[in-house]
């Protein structure tokens, strides 16, 4: 929304991530399990989705934008900033080795119907092993329900935190803040508010705008951090 000063996009401090090449793997490395936005391209782009913190992707192409920031293509119309990733090549090799060892010692456990191979790292809470191998055993129904509830609460908290963070950056949290054509807590365009500047309408319009443009408040925050506006 309101342009509060476009921040210069700096290259990531992780040399491994910035050095990844086509065919190598990178892992999203972002704060507190939040997601980063994926973009249709690395210039004049639009948001096409998100990539979760800790998820690993194969680099299909690389490019630099006009600010000098490096980007990775990880899928069709999916580009991410290199500075939000780490090189997972070494980690993947270590995980594969751990998987081979664990697979030999847990053959019986993994042969059950509840055990599936999802192709990504997962540490079981009940396992004494420190391996980050690829084997995932489905938890019991009660455990799954508790985990799901906890995950939903955590996701909701992250969204609220990102929303509050953006409001503070845009207006200091004031529903009456005014800056030219932008107004209110989230500095929405007055045309978006359609003459209704009430707090309730500001919340409603802000949620609609962010969900339609970014998919989530956490993704909107990622964009703000990279560009100085949302």
Protein backbone atom coordinates (compact mmCIF):
# COMPACT_ATOMS: atom_id res chain seq x y z
CA UNK A 1 0.00 0.00 0.00
CA UNK A 2 1.59 3.34 1.06
CA UNK A 3 5.18 3.60 -0.07
CA UNK A 4 6.98 4.28 3.19
CA UNK A 5 10.48 4.17 1.72
CA UNK A 6 11.65 1.35 -0.50
CA UNK A 7 14.44 -0.46 1.28
CA UNK A 8 17.51 -1.47 -0.71
CA UNK A 9 17.42 -5.20 -1.26
CA UNK A 10 20.65 -6.61 0.09
CA UNK A 11 22.16 -9.90 -0.93
CA UNK A 12 21.95 -12.71 1.59
CA UNK A 13 24.81 -13.13 4.04
CA UNK A 14 24.88 -16.88 3.47
CA UNK A 15 27.46 -17.44 0.77
CA UNK A 16 26.31 -21.00 0.14
CA UNK A 17 22.78 -19.92 -0.76
CA UNK A 18 23.95 -17.18 -3.11
CA UNK A 19 26.35 -19.63 -4.78
CA UNK A 20 23.76 -22.32 -5.56
CA UNK A 21 23.55 -23.23 -9.23
CA UNK A 22 21.00 -24.88 -11.49
CA UNK A 23 20.31 -28.45 -10.41
CA UNK A 24 21.37 -27.91 -6.79
CA UNK A 25 18.96 -27.77 -3.86
CA UNK A 26 18.21 -24.87 -1.54
CA UNK A 27 16.19 -24.76 1.68
CA UNK A 28 13.96 -21.85 2.66
CA UNK A 29 15.47 -20.25 5.78
CA UNK A 30 13.08 -17.68 7.25
CA UNK A 31 12.06 -16.56 10.76
CA UNK A 32 9.87 -18.66 13.08
CA UNK A 33 8.58 -21.15 10.53
CA UNK A 34 6.94 -18.45 8.39
CA UNK A 35 6.55 -18.65 4.62
CA UNK A 36 8.04 -16.44 1.92
CA UNK A 37 6.22 -15.37 -1.23
CA UNK A 38 6.86 -17.01 -4.59
CA UNK A 39 6.77 -14.72 -7.64
CA UNK A 40 5.85 -15.14 -11.31
CA UNK A 41 9.32 -13.86 -12.28
CA UNK A 42 12.19 -11.84 -10.84
CA UNK A 43 11.13 -8.46 -12.31
CA UNK A 44 7.76 -6.65 -12.35
CA UNK A 45 6.38 -9.78 -10.72
CA UNK A 46 3.14 -10.82 -9.05
CA UNK A 47 2.75 -13.21 -6.13
CA UNK A 48 1.90 -16.78 -7.18
CA UNK A 49 2.01 -18.54 -3.80
CA UNK A 50 4.38 -19.19 -0.93
CA UNK A 51 7.25 -21.46 0.15
CA UNK A 52 7.33 -22.60 3.77
CA UNK A 53 10.33 -22.13 6.03
CA UNK A 54 12.37 -25.37 6.01
CA UNK A 55 11.05 -26.61 2.63
CA UNK A 56 13.68 -27.72 0.10
CA UNK A 57 13.59 -26.94 -3.64
CA UNK A 58 15.67 -27.74 -6.70
CA UNK A 59 17.05 -24.67 -8.47
CA UNK A 60 15.74 -24.62 -12.07
CA UNK A 61 17.24 -21.27 -13.05
CA UNK A 62 18.99 -18.24 -11.50
CA UNK A 63 18.85 -14.51 -12.22
CA UNK A 64 19.64 -11.08 -10.77
CA UNK A 65 17.08 -8.27 -10.57
CA UNK A 66 17.73 -4.58 -11.17
CA UNK A 67 18.76 -4.10 -7.53
CA UNK A 68 21.42 -6.82 -7.78
CA UNK A 69 19.53 -9.35 -5.66
CA UNK A 70 19.83 -12.98 -6.72
CA UNK A 71 16.70 -15.06 -7.44
CA UNK A 72 16.06 -18.80 -7.87
CA UNK A 73 13.40 -20.35 -10.07
CA UNK A 74 11.89 -23.34 -8.22
CA UNK A 75 8.88 -24.11 -10.41
CA UNK A 76 6.54 -22.84 -13.11
CA UNK A 77 5.99 -19.13 -12.31
CA UNK A 78 7.73 -19.64 -8.98
CA UNK A 79 10.78 -17.49 -8.16
CA UNK A 80 12.19 -16.81 -4.66
CA UNK A 81 14.88 -14.49 -3.32
CA UNK A 82 18.18 -16.31 -2.72
CA UNK A 83 18.79 -14.34 0.49
CA UNK A 84 15.93 -16.25 2.15
CA UNK A 85 17.54 -19.66 1.48
CA UNK A 86 20.52 -21.79 2.46
CA UNK A 87 22.39 -24.33 0.38
CA UNK A 88 20.95 -27.75 1.26
CA UNK A 89 23.33 -29.88 -0.83
CA UNK A 90 25.53 -30.80 2.14
CA UNK A 91 22.53 -31.27 4.42
CA UNK A 92 20.83 -33.51 1.88
CA UNK A 93 23.90 -35.75 1.62
CA UNK A 94 24.04 -36.14 5.39
CA UNK A 95 20.32 -36.87 5.56
CA UNK A 96 20.59 -39.53 2.85
CA UNK A 97 23.35 -41.27 4.79
CA UNK A 98 21.29 -41.17 7.99
CA UNK A 99 18.29 -42.52 6.13
CA UNK A 100 20.23 -45.51 4.83
CA UNK A 101 21.40 -46.41 8.33
CA UNK A 102 18.01 -45.89 9.92
CA UNK A 103 16.24 -47.80 7.21
CA UNK A 104 18.31 -50.92 8.00
CA UNK A 105 17.52 -50.76 11.71
CA UNK A 106 13.84 -49.86 11.38
CA UNK A 107 12.65 -52.14 8.58
CA UNK A 108 9.88 -53.70 10.65
CA UNK A 109 8.57 -50.38 11.91
CA UNK A 110 8.57 -48.84 8.44
CA UNK A 111 6.74 -51.77 6.87
CA UNK A 112 3.50 -50.90 8.72
CA UNK A 113 0.61 -49.33 6.82
CA UNK A 114 1.01 -46.14 8.84
CA UNK A 115 4.57 -45.54 7.60
CA UNK A 116 5.05 -43.53 4.40
CA UNK A 117 7.95 -41.91 2.54
CA UNK A 118 7.22 -38.24 1.92
CA UNK A 119 10.59 -37.26 0.48
CA UNK A 120 11.49 -34.66 3.09
CA UNK A 121 13.21 -34.47 6.46
CA UNK A 122 11.23 -35.05 9.63
CA UNK A 123 12.32 -35.68 13.24
CA UNK A 124 9.89 -37.86 15.19
CA UNK A 125 9.18 -36.64 18.72
CA UNK A 126 9.26 -40.23 19.96
CA UNK A 127 12.54 -41.18 18.27
CA UNK A 128 15.83 -41.18 20.18
CA UNK A 129 17.73 -40.76 16.91
CA UNK A 130 19.00 -37.34 15.86
CA UNK A 131 18.73 -38.28 12.18
CA UNK A 132 16.85 -36.05 9.76
CA UNK A 133 16.10 -38.92 7.36
CA UNK A 134 13.15 -39.18 5.02
CA UNK A 135 11.06 -41.78 6.84
CA UNK A 136 7.86 -40.49 8.43
CA UNK A 137 5.59 -42.62 10.62
CA UNK A 138 2.04 -41.40 11.02
CA UNK A 139 1.16 -40.56 14.64
CA UNK A 140 -1.86 -41.95 16.44
CA UNK A 141 -5.25 -40.30 15.89
CA UNK A 142 -5.14 -38.49 19.25
CA UNK A 143 -1.59 -37.24 18.65
CA UNK A 144 -2.50 -36.12 15.14
CA UNK A 145 -5.49 -34.18 16.45
CA UNK A 146 -3.41 -32.44 19.11
CA UNK A 147 -0.66 -31.63 16.62
CA UNK A 148 -3.17 -30.26 14.12
CA UNK A 149 -4.76 -28.03 16.76
CA UNK A 150 -1.33 -26.78 17.87
CA UNK A 151 -0.29 -26.12 14.27
CA UNK A 152 -3.48 -24.15 13.58
CA UNK A 153 -2.97 -22.04 16.69
CA UNK A 154 0.67 -21.39 15.78
CA UNK A 155 -0.27 -20.40 12.22
CA UNK A 156 -2.99 -18.07 13.49
CA UNK A 157 -0.57 -16.44 15.94
CA UNK A 158 2.00 -15.92 13.17
CA UNK A 159 -0.65 -14.28 10.97
CA UNK A 160 -1.77 -11.94 13.75
CA UNK A 161 1.84 -11.06 14.56
CA UNK A 162 2.59 -10.26 10.89
CA UNK A 163 -0.59 -8.20 10.60
CA UNK A 164 0.26 -6.18 13.73
CA UNK A 165 3.84 -5.70 12.49
CA UNK A 166 2.65 -4.24 9.18
CA UNK A 167 0.11 -1.96 10.91
CA UNK A 168 2.83 -0.58 13.17
CA UNK A 169 5.15 0.02 10.22
CA UNK A 170 2.43 1.71 8.16
CA UNK A 171 0.69 3.89 10.75
CA UNK A 172 1.88 3.10 14.25
CA UNK A 173 -1.40 1.21 14.64
CA UNK A 174 -3.62 4.29 14.23
CA UNK A 175 -6.98 3.98 12.46
CA UNK A 176 -6.92 7.74 11.73
CA UNK A 177 -3.41 8.07 10.30
CA UNK A 178 -3.45 9.96 6.99
CA UNK A 179 -0.81 10.23 4.26
CA UNK A 180 -2.12 11.79 1.07
CA UNK A 181 -4.32 9.22 -0.66
CA UNK A 182 -3.60 6.58 2.00
CA UNK A 183 -5.55 6.35 5.22
CA UNK A 184 -5.88 4.42 8.44
CA UNK A 185 -4.17 1.64 10.33
CA UNK A 186 -3.00 -0.21 7.20
CA UNK A 187 -2.59 2.90 5.00
CA UNK A 188 -5.15 1.68 2.50
CA UNK A 189 -5.97 3.66 -0.61
CA UNK A 190 -9.08 5.76 0.04
CA UNK A 191 -10.64 4.26 -3.09
CA UNK A 192 -10.34 0.81 -1.48
CA UNK A 193 -12.22 2.04 1.59
CA UNK A 194 -14.99 3.45 -0.61
CA UNK A 195 -15.74 6.27 1.80
CA UNK A 196 -16.09 4.02 4.87
CA UNK A 197 -13.11 4.74 7.15
CA UNK A 198 -14.49 2.85 10.16
CA UNK A 199 -12.14 0.51 11.99
CA UNK A 200 -14.31 -2.47 11.07
CA UNK A 201 -14.19 -1.65 7.35
CA UNK A 202 -10.43 -1.03 7.49
CA UNK A 203 -9.90 -4.49 8.99
CA UNK A 204 -12.22 -6.10 6.43
CA UNK A 205 -10.65 -4.39 3.41
CA UNK A 206 -7.09 -4.97 4.65
CA UNK A 207 -7.73 -8.71 5.08
CA UNK A 208 -9.33 -8.94 1.64
CA UNK A 209 -6.48 -7.03 -0.02
CA UNK A 210 -3.69 -9.05 1.60
CA UNK A 211 -5.31 -12.45 1.01
CA UNK A 212 -6.02 -11.68 -2.65
CA UNK A 213 -2.56 -10.21 -3.38
CA UNK A 214 -0.23 -12.26 -1.14
CA UNK A 215 -2.21 -15.21 0.19
CA UNK A 216 -1.34 -14.46 3.83
CA UNK A 217 -0.16 -11.71 6.16
CA UNK A 218 3.14 -13.53 6.68
CA UNK A 219 3.76 -13.47 2.91
CA UNK A 220 2.82 -9.76 2.87
CA UNK A 221 5.35 -9.13 5.64
CA UNK A 222 8.03 -10.95 3.62
CA UNK A 223 7.30 -8.64 0.69
CA UNK A 224 7.43 -5.58 2.97
CA UNK A 225 10.80 -6.65 4.35
CA UNK A 226 12.18 -7.01 0.83
CA UNK A 227 10.64 -3.85 -0.63
CA UNK A 228 9.72 -1.44 2.18
CA UNK A 229 5.99 -1.50 1.29
CA UNK A 230 3.20 -4.00 0.62
